[in-house]
Protein backbone atom coordinates (compact mmCIF):
# COMPACT_ATOMS: atom_id res chain seq x y z
CA MET A 1 -6.34 -8.42 -34.92
CA VAL A 2 -2.79 -8.73 -33.79
CA SER A 3 -1.92 -7.06 -30.46
CA LYS A 4 1.43 -5.30 -30.46
CA GLY A 5 0.75 -3.04 -27.57
CA PRO A 6 2.40 -3.13 -24.16
CA VAL A 7 1.48 -5.60 -21.44
CA LEU A 8 -0.08 -3.53 -18.65
CA CYS A 9 0.50 -4.33 -15.03
CA PHE A 10 -1.80 -2.84 -12.37
CA VAL A 11 0.18 -2.36 -9.12
CA GLY A 12 -1.56 -1.49 -5.92
CA PRO A 13 -2.58 -2.66 -2.51
CA PRO A 14 -5.12 -5.44 -2.09
CA GLY A 15 -8.81 -4.47 -2.57
CA THR A 16 -8.21 -1.36 -4.78
CA GLY A 17 -10.17 -2.64 -7.77
CA LYS A 18 -7.52 -4.28 -9.91
CA THR A 19 -9.62 -7.27 -10.84
CA SER A 20 -12.87 -5.27 -11.24
CA LEU A 21 -11.09 -2.85 -13.61
CA GLN A 22 -9.90 -5.71 -15.75
CA LYS A 23 -13.45 -7.24 -15.98
CA SER A 24 -14.66 -3.88 -17.06
CA ILE A 25 -11.98 -3.62 -19.77
CA ALA A 26 -12.87 -7.09 -21.01
CA ARG A 27 -16.55 -6.19 -21.07
CA CYS A 28 -15.89 -2.92 -23.01
CA LEU A 29 -13.81 -4.76 -25.55
CA GLY A 30 -16.23 -7.58 -25.96
CA ARG A 31 -13.65 -10.14 -24.88
CA ARG A 32 -13.89 -13.21 -22.63
CA PHE A 33 -12.22 -12.65 -19.18
CA ILE A 34 -9.90 -15.28 -17.86
CA ARG A 35 -8.07 -15.14 -14.55
CA ILE A 36 -4.89 -17.17 -13.92
CA SER A 37 -3.37 -16.98 -10.52
CA LEU A 38 0.41 -16.97 -10.49
CA ALA A 39 0.87 -16.92 -6.67
CA GLY A 40 3.03 -19.76 -5.49
CA MET A 41 3.44 -21.18 -8.99
CA LYS A 42 6.81 -22.94 -9.12
CA ASP A 43 6.60 -25.36 -11.95
CA GLU A 44 7.45 -24.21 -15.50
CA ALA A 45 5.18 -26.89 -16.92
CA GLU A 46 2.23 -24.82 -15.49
CA ILE A 47 2.99 -22.32 -18.28
CA ARG A 48 4.55 -24.42 -21.05
CA GLY A 49 2.65 -27.62 -20.33
CA HIS A 50 4.03 -31.27 -19.98
CA ARG A 51 5.43 -33.39 -22.77
CA ARG A 52 3.04 -36.10 -23.80
CA SER A 53 5.48 -38.79 -22.81
CA TYR A 54 4.70 -38.07 -19.07
CA VAL A 55 1.81 -39.86 -17.29
CA GLY A 56 -0.93 -37.40 -16.71
CA ALA A 57 0.35 -34.83 -19.10
CA LEU A 58 -1.63 -31.70 -19.73
CA PRO A 59 -1.26 -28.50 -21.66
CA GLY A 60 -0.16 -25.33 -19.85
CA ARG A 61 -2.68 -23.16 -18.00
CA ILE A 62 -2.72 -20.57 -20.79
CA ILE A 63 -3.75 -23.13 -23.39
CA GLN A 64 -6.26 -24.78 -21.10
CA GLU A 65 -8.00 -21.58 -20.29
CA ILE A 66 -8.13 -20.52 -23.84
CA ARG A 67 -9.81 -23.83 -24.73
CA ARG A 68 -12.29 -23.47 -21.91
CA ALA A 69 -13.07 -19.86 -22.98
CA GLY A 70 -13.68 -20.90 -26.55
CA SER A 71 -12.05 -17.74 -27.76
CA LEU A 72 -8.64 -16.89 -29.42
CA ASN A 73 -8.64 -13.30 -28.21
CA PRO A 74 -9.61 -13.25 -24.53
CA LEU A 75 -8.36 -10.88 -21.94
CA ILE A 76 -6.16 -12.99 -19.68
CA MET A 77 -5.46 -11.60 -16.12
CA LEU A 78 -2.15 -12.82 -14.72
CA ASP A 79 -2.94 -12.35 -11.12
CA GLU A 80 -0.25 -11.85 -8.36
CA ILE A 81 2.68 -11.78 -10.83
CA ASP A 82 4.82 -10.59 -8.00
CA LYS A 83 4.34 -13.82 -5.96
CA ILE A 84 5.44 -16.21 -8.67
CA GLY A 85 8.13 -18.60 -7.39
CA GLN A 86 10.79 -21.02 -8.75
CA ASP A 87 12.39 -24.25 -7.76
CA VAL A 88 14.19 -27.26 -9.18
CA LYS A 89 11.24 -27.88 -11.68
CA GLY A 90 12.07 -24.67 -13.48
CA ASP A 91 11.30 -20.97 -13.46
CA PRO A 92 7.78 -20.14 -14.56
CA ALA A 93 8.77 -16.35 -14.64
CA SER A 94 11.17 -17.10 -17.34
CA ALA A 95 8.64 -19.18 -19.27
CA LEU A 96 6.27 -16.20 -19.13
CA LEU A 97 8.77 -13.91 -20.88
CA GLU A 98 7.98 -15.52 -24.22
CA VAL A 99 4.28 -15.30 -23.54
CA LEU A 100 4.52 -11.56 -22.79
CA ASP A 101 6.84 -10.65 -25.69
CA PRO A 102 4.63 -9.41 -28.64
CA GLU A 103 7.59 -10.28 -30.97
CA GLN A 104 7.57 -13.98 -29.89
CA ASN A 105 4.10 -15.00 -28.70
CA ALA A 106 2.80 -15.35 -32.19
CA HIS A 107 4.73 -18.67 -32.29
CA PHE A 108 4.30 -19.89 -28.69
CA VAL A 109 4.96 -23.64 -28.44
CA ASP A 110 3.24 -25.50 -25.63
CA ASN A 111 5.08 -28.79 -24.86
CA TYR A 112 1.88 -30.74 -24.87
CA LEU A 113 0.70 -29.59 -28.25
CA ASP A 114 4.16 -29.40 -29.70
CA VAL A 115 3.08 -26.96 -32.50
CA PRO A 116 3.20 -23.18 -32.56
CA PHE A 117 0.17 -21.47 -31.16
CA ASP A 118 -0.65 -17.79 -31.89
CA LEU A 119 -1.06 -15.76 -28.69
CA SER A 120 -0.68 -12.48 -30.38
CA ARG A 121 -4.41 -11.78 -30.32
CA VAL A 122 -4.62 -12.31 -26.54
CA MET A 123 -4.57 -9.31 -24.35
CA PHE A 124 -2.54 -9.90 -21.20
CA ILE A 125 -2.85 -7.70 -18.09
CA ALA A 126 -0.89 -8.59 -14.92
CA THR A 127 -1.54 -7.47 -11.29
CA ALA A 128 0.80 -7.13 -8.33
CA ASN A 129 0.84 -5.62 -4.91
CA THR A 130 4.47 -4.30 -5.12
CA ILE A 131 6.85 -3.73 -7.90
CA GLU A 132 9.96 -4.77 -5.88
CA ASP A 133 9.12 -8.43 -6.01
CA ILE A 134 8.57 -8.58 -9.80
CA PRO A 135 11.56 -10.23 -11.52
CA ALA A 136 13.58 -7.68 -13.47
CA PRO A 137 13.47 -9.24 -16.95
CA MET A 138 9.62 -9.51 -16.54
CA LEU A 139 9.37 -5.94 -15.37
CA ASP A 140 11.15 -4.83 -18.45
CA ARG A 141 8.19 -6.20 -20.53
CA LEU A 142 5.45 -4.57 -18.41
CA GLU A 143 3.97 -1.07 -18.48
CA ILE A 144 3.27 -0.25 -14.73
CA LEU A 145 0.09 1.51 -13.80
CA GLN A 146 -0.09 2.37 -10.13
CA LEU A 147 -3.53 2.14 -8.36
CA SER A 148 -3.40 4.06 -5.12
CA GLY A 149 -5.58 3.50 -2.00
CA TYR A 150 -8.96 5.08 -1.47
CA THR A 151 -9.58 8.12 0.58
CA GLU A 152 -12.04 7.87 3.46
CA GLU A 153 -14.57 9.84 1.42
CA GLU A 154 -14.12 7.55 -1.48
CA LYS A 155 -14.58 4.49 0.73
CA GLU A 156 -17.78 6.05 2.09
CA LYS A 157 -19.24 6.69 -1.38
CA ILE A 158 -18.44 3.14 -2.62
CA ALA A 159 -20.00 1.72 0.49
CA TYR A 160 -23.25 3.53 -0.18
CA ARG A 161 -23.35 2.93 -3.89
CA TYR A 162 -22.24 -0.60 -4.09
CA LEU A 163 -21.24 -2.52 -0.93
CA ILE A 164 -24.12 -1.80 1.32
CA PRO A 165 -26.93 -2.48 -1.39
CA ARG A 166 -25.18 -5.75 -2.37
CA GLU A 167 -24.76 -7.01 1.23
CA ILE A 168 -28.31 -6.10 2.11
CA GLU A 169 -29.49 -8.30 -0.80
CA GLU A 170 -27.16 -11.12 0.09
CA ALA A 171 -28.38 -11.24 3.62
CA GLY A 172 -32.02 -11.32 2.43
CA LEU A 173 -32.87 -7.93 3.97
CA SER A 174 -34.50 -6.37 0.83
CA GLU A 175 -37.90 -6.15 2.60
CA GLN A 176 -36.44 -4.58 5.77
CA PRO A 177 -33.11 -2.82 4.67
CA PRO A 178 -31.08 -1.54 7.54
CA GLU A 179 -30.21 2.14 7.35
CA PHE A 180 -26.50 2.96 7.63
CA PRO A 181 -26.00 6.64 8.82
CA PRO A 182 -22.86 8.36 7.67
CA GLU A 183 -21.42 8.31 11.14
CA VAL A 184 -21.77 4.59 11.36
CA VAL A 185 -20.02 4.01 8.02
CA ARG A 186 -17.13 6.23 9.15
CA MET A 187 -16.95 4.41 12.44
CA ILE A 188 -16.62 1.05 10.72
CA ILE A 189 -13.96 2.44 8.32
CA ARG A 190 -11.85 4.06 11.16
CA GLU A 191 -12.36 1.57 13.96
CA TYR A 192 -12.70 -1.86 12.28
CA THR A 193 -10.66 -1.68 9.11
CA ARG A 194 -7.04 -0.59 8.24
CA GLU A 195 -6.47 -0.98 4.62
CA ALA A 196 -5.95 0.85 1.41
CA GLY A 197 -8.61 -1.08 -0.28
CA LEU A 198 -12.18 -2.23 0.43
CA ARG A 199 -12.10 -5.94 1.34
CA SER A 200 -12.25 -5.57 5.06
CA LEU A 201 -14.95 -2.90 4.84
CA GLN A 202 -17.03 -5.20 2.73
CA ARG A 203 -16.69 -8.08 5.29
CA LYS A 204 -17.55 -5.83 8.18
CA ILE A 205 -20.68 -4.45 6.32
CA ALA A 206 -21.55 -8.12 5.49
CA ALA A 207 -21.16 -9.13 9.13
CA VAL A 208 -23.48 -6.28 10.25
CA CYS A 209 -26.10 -7.34 7.73
CA ARG A 210 -25.93 -10.98 8.79
CA LYS A 211 -26.32 -10.03 12.48
CA ARG A 212 -29.22 -7.78 11.62
CA ALA A 213 -30.94 -10.65 9.77
CA TYR A 214 -30.44 -12.92 12.78
CA GLU A 215 -31.86 -10.22 15.05
CA ILE A 216 -34.93 -9.91 12.89
CA LEU A 217 -35.40 -13.66 12.83
CA LEU A 218 -35.47 -13.65 16.71
CA ALA A 219 -37.72 -10.59 17.13
CA PRO A 220 -41.33 -11.48 18.16
CA ASP A 221 -42.93 -9.44 15.39
CA ARG A 222 -39.97 -10.00 12.96
CA THR A 223 -39.16 -6.28 12.87
CA VAL A 224 -36.35 -4.14 14.38
CA PRO A 225 -35.65 -0.35 14.13
CA SER A 226 -34.11 0.44 10.78
CA PRO A 227 -31.10 2.65 11.58
CA VAL A 228 -27.86 0.83 12.57
CA THR A 229 -26.60 2.83 15.56
CA PRO A 230 -22.93 3.00 16.84
CA GLU A 231 -24.03 0.95 19.78
CA LYS A 232 -25.45 -1.73 17.50
CA VAL A 233 -22.13 -1.76 15.54
CA LYS A 234 -20.28 -2.53 18.77
CA GLU A 235 -22.72 -5.20 19.57
CA TYR A 236 -22.40 -6.77 16.06
CA LEU A 237 -18.62 -6.41 15.63
CA GLY A 238 -17.21 -6.27 19.19
CA SER A 239 -14.81 -3.73 20.48
CA ARG A 240 -12.93 -1.55 17.98
CA THR A 241 -10.08 -3.31 16.35
CA TYR A 242 -7.83 -0.38 15.28
CA TYR A 243 -6.76 2.85 16.76
CA PHE A 244 -5.44 5.21 14.16
CA GLU A 245 -2.36 7.17 15.07
CA VAL A 246 -3.26 10.92 15.62
CA ALA A 247 -1.06 13.93 15.99
CA GLU A 248 0.67 14.42 19.31
CA GLU A 249 -1.49 16.28 21.90
CA ARG A 250 1.38 18.58 22.77
CA GLU A 251 4.82 19.61 21.37
CA ARG A 252 7.69 17.51 22.87
CA VAL A 253 11.45 17.69 22.58
CA GLY A 254 13.08 14.96 20.55
CA VAL A 255 9.86 13.56 19.08
CA ALA A 256 9.15 14.11 15.38
CA THR A 257 6.34 12.89 13.12
CA GLY A 258 7.20 10.88 10.08
CA LEU A 259 5.14 9.39 7.19
CA ALA A 260 5.45 5.66 6.23
CA LEU A 261 3.99 3.57 3.56
CA THR A 262 2.74 -0.04 4.46
CA ALA A 263 0.74 -2.69 2.72
CA ALA A 264 -2.34 -1.16 4.23
CA GLY A 265 -1.64 2.27 3.00
CA GLY A 266 0.01 5.25 4.60
CA GLN A 267 0.35 5.96 8.25
CA ILE A 268 2.14 8.38 10.54
CA ILE A 269 4.97 7.16 12.77
CA PHE A 270 6.62 8.92 15.75
CA ILE A 271 10.40 9.10 15.86
CA GLU A 272 11.62 9.40 19.49
CA ALA A 273 15.19 10.45 20.41
CA ALA A 274 16.74 10.39 23.89
CA ILE A 275 20.28 11.17 25.09
CA MET A 276 22.19 9.79 28.01
CA SER A 277 25.73 9.52 29.35
CA GLY A 278 27.82 6.97 27.46
CA HIS A 279 30.54 6.40 24.86
CA GLU A 280 29.34 8.01 21.63
CA GLU A 281 27.18 5.08 20.64
CA LEU A 282 23.95 5.12 18.49
CA ILE A 283 21.20 2.83 19.68
CA LEU A 284 18.39 1.96 17.34
CA THR A 285 15.31 0.07 18.41
CA GLY A 286 11.83 -0.57 16.97
CA SER A 287 12.34 -3.53 14.58
CA LEU A 288 14.24 -1.34 11.96
CA GLY A 289 15.57 -2.72 8.65
CA GLN A 290 19.04 -2.13 7.31
CA VAL A 291 18.06 0.88 5.14
CA MET A 292 16.38 2.64 8.01
CA LYS A 293 19.24 2.00 10.33
CA GLU A 294 21.67 3.45 7.77
CA SER A 295 19.28 6.45 7.45
CA ALA A 296 19.62 7.08 11.20
CA GLN A 297 23.36 6.83 11.11
CA ALA A 298 23.44 9.27 8.15
CA ALA A 299 21.07 11.65 10.04
CA LEU A 300 23.38 11.60 13.14
CA SER A 301 26.44 12.09 11.05
CA PHE A 302 24.84 15.08 9.41
CA VAL A 303 23.92 16.61 12.67
CA ARG A 304 27.44 16.01 14.04
CA ALA A 305 29.05 17.44 11.00
CA ASN A 306 26.91 20.58 11.38
CA ALA A 307 27.08 20.97 15.11
CA ASP A 308 28.16 24.53 14.92
CA ARG A 309 25.32 25.57 12.71
CA PHE A 310 22.85 24.18 15.40
CA ARG A 311 24.93 25.62 18.27
CA ILE A 312 25.83 22.24 19.67
CA PRO A 313 29.21 22.05 21.56
CA PRO A 314 31.71 20.07 19.38
CA ASP A 315 32.74 17.91 22.29
CA PHE A 316 29.14 17.21 23.28
CA PHE A 317 28.95 13.80 21.48
CA ALA A 318 31.99 12.24 23.09
CA GLY A 319 30.39 11.60 26.49
CA HIS A 320 26.91 10.80 25.41
CA ASP A 321 24.90 7.89 23.75
CA ILE A 322 21.94 8.61 21.57
CA HIS A 323 18.92 6.29 21.42
CA VAL A 324 16.54 6.50 18.54
CA HIS A 325 13.31 4.56 18.89
CA ILE A 326 10.32 4.14 16.59
CA PRO A 327 7.20 2.73 18.45
CA ALA A 328 5.25 -0.37 17.44
CA GLY A 329 8.25 -2.53 17.93
CA ALA A 330 6.44 -5.73 16.76
CA VAL A 331 6.09 -4.27 13.29
CA SER A 332 9.04 -4.37 10.95
CA LYS A 333 10.08 -1.05 9.39
CA ASP A 334 12.43 -0.14 6.58
CA GLY A 335 13.04 2.36 3.88
CA PRO A 336 14.95 5.68 3.43
CA SER A 337 12.06 8.11 4.00
CA ALA A 338 12.62 8.28 7.73
CA GLY A 339 16.00 10.07 7.24
CA LEU A 340 14.45 13.52 7.46
CA PRO A 341 12.27 13.13 10.48
CA ILE A 342 15.07 11.32 12.33
CA ALA A 343 17.42 14.25 11.70
CA VAL A 344 14.70 16.68 12.89
CA ALA A 345 14.19 14.68 16.02
CA LEU A 346 17.83 14.64 16.87
CA ILE A 347 18.15 18.37 16.21
CA SER A 348 15.20 19.01 18.52
CA LEU A 349 16.78 16.78 21.14
CA LEU A 350 20.14 18.51 21.06
CA THR A 351 18.82 22.14 20.86
CA ARG A 352 16.04 21.44 23.25
CA ARG A 353 13.49 22.99 20.85
CA PRO A 354 10.23 21.11 20.59
CA VAL A 355 8.99 19.91 17.22
CA ARG A 356 5.48 21.20 16.02
CA ARG A 357 2.87 18.63 16.75
CA ASP A 358 0.92 19.41 13.61
CA ALA A 359 3.93 18.98 11.30
CA ALA A 360 5.07 15.78 9.57
CA LEU A 361 8.17 14.95 7.45
CA THR A 362 9.22 12.52 4.85
CA GLY A 363 12.32 12.32 2.64
CA GLU A 364 15.76 10.62 2.30
CA LEU A 365 18.62 12.61 3.83
CA THR A 366 22.14 12.77 2.49
CA LEU A 367 25.28 13.57 4.48
CA SER A 368 25.34 17.09 2.92
CA GLY A 369 21.82 17.77 4.21
CA ARG A 370 20.01 17.47 0.79
CA ILE A 371 16.50 15.87 0.82
CA LEU A 372 16.01 13.25 -1.84
CA PRO A 373 12.62 11.99 -3.25
CA VAL A 374 10.75 9.11 -1.84
CA GLY A 375 7.68 6.99 -2.89
CA GLY A 376 4.08 6.62 -1.76
CA MET A 377 3.32 10.36 -1.50
CA HIS A 378 -0.39 9.85 -2.27
CA ASP A 379 -1.01 7.45 0.64
CA LYS A 380 1.31 9.36 3.00
CA LEU A 381 -0.61 12.63 2.58
CA LEU A 382 -3.90 10.87 3.02
CA ALA A 383 -2.54 9.41 6.29
CA ALA A 384 -1.46 12.78 7.42
CA ARG A 385 -4.75 14.40 6.78
CA ARG A 386 -6.53 11.59 8.59
CA ALA A 387 -4.24 12.00 11.60
CA GLY A 388 -4.91 15.69 11.90
CA ILE A 389 -1.57 16.85 10.53
CA SER A 390 -1.74 20.33 8.80
CA THR A 391 1.82 20.98 7.68
CA ILE A 392 3.81 18.37 5.67
CA ILE A 393 7.51 18.72 4.62
CA ILE A 394 8.23 16.76 1.45
CA PRO A 395 11.23 16.68 -0.91
CA LYS A 396 11.16 19.28 -3.67
CA LEU A 397 11.63 16.56 -6.35
CA ASN A 398 8.28 15.14 -5.21
CA GLU A 399 6.42 18.13 -5.91
CA PRO A 400 4.97 16.70 -9.30
CA ASP A 401 3.34 13.93 -7.25
CA LEU A 402 0.98 16.43 -5.74
CA GLN A 403 -1.01 16.59 -8.97
CA ASP A 404 -2.44 13.18 -8.08
CA ILE A 405 -3.76 14.26 -4.70
CA PRO A 406 -7.56 14.96 -4.49
CA ALA A 407 -8.34 18.72 -4.18
CA ASN A 408 -10.27 18.26 -1.05
CA VAL A 409 -7.24 16.70 0.59
CA MET A 410 -4.92 19.44 -0.55
CA ASP A 411 -7.28 22.08 0.75
CA ASP A 412 -6.74 20.75 4.34
CA LEU A 413 -2.91 20.53 4.04
CA LYS A 414 -0.06 22.95 3.75
CA VAL A 415 2.67 21.13 1.83
CA VAL A 416 6.14 22.54 1.89
CA PRO A 417 8.49 21.23 -0.73
CA THR A 418 12.11 21.59 0.38
CA VAL A 419 15.71 20.94 -0.87
CA GLU A 420 17.79 21.03 2.32
CA VAL A 421 17.26 20.46 6.04
CA ALA A 422 18.34 23.93 6.85
CA ASP A 423 15.38 25.34 4.94
CA ILE A 424 12.70 23.78 7.22
CA ILE A 425 14.28 23.96 10.70
CA GLU A 426 12.58 27.21 11.54
CA ILE A 427 9.29 25.85 10.23
CA VAL A 428 9.03 22.62 12.22
CA LEU A 429 10.86 23.66 15.49
CA ILE A 430 9.46 26.01 18.09
């Protein structure tokens, strides 16, 4: 059977099941599963093979793996396609273009074999953590499927159904299986992991099981109480590793809550604005990237251009500096989605009206006050719910993204799609 379908690419944070999903697809289709890691690959010969005139010449990885699998129609997983490199030895990404093109791969020529080899029956599926780092010509040949992070409830269910039973067996505790109460699993998720996937959670559960096995070994009668208590978790894993940001305890002037997307999933960020005597300068701190700096400048320009609407004296800016800071200065931040919360923080500062502590905002801001769509809505809303936020302001054009949000998450949130800043000022300011 000749495969003329698109080449799929699963994009999502680490630990979200990209590899497991591909293994399941291969099992359902009755194909052999092959994994080829592209991370750090810089030599074109890794794909096309070496010419036989070279000492130690070998076929490329694809031909080698097909030979080992003993099948002409395996499922080949091209792992970490966004981390493929290039140097003076060639560009392996360009060599992959022929492999992934269904119109060309029926006559793929490996330099070592030097004869056409039919790859049209092979099913290729790629994985990546981010789309931005995938070379554009290759991205044009891929059909992107986004895999979002897990909710806390989903992590808890997966832990009980899969992770805990497996780690209990791995630690040799099948005869005395420890009991993990729900509050302990939630404690491990919240205080010892910060990720969109499950890898850290699996490691922490494995560590608890190993420590429990060691404790049983040292016990005089080789028995210990079955339940794992919060105190035991602290003893096994040490002090908590992470402190999730939660909503402000009280409303404050010049402090707005934004929503950010990181490699570990979504999180809330606080945008703080202060004003002082000066010479009309905008000071930006917090390890901000160029895009976020420009978003802050656009937000300030919007506020200045609409000073009369917000009842700000026109000559107010001439004798003052404005400082915008985003805490966690050791962490680099970038992206346009902070434009809206920065504008709200500035309006709050200059009108002396506090921002609601239970409201968070995300969206790119234009000079005319329009709010443009941003990405990562799924993970951002999960982070807002986890932090105790109840009202979320999002761009109107992001409204279709709400269809992918679990119903139990939406039940706890009031999401307000908006088109312009003016529409939400009375909602978020007190």
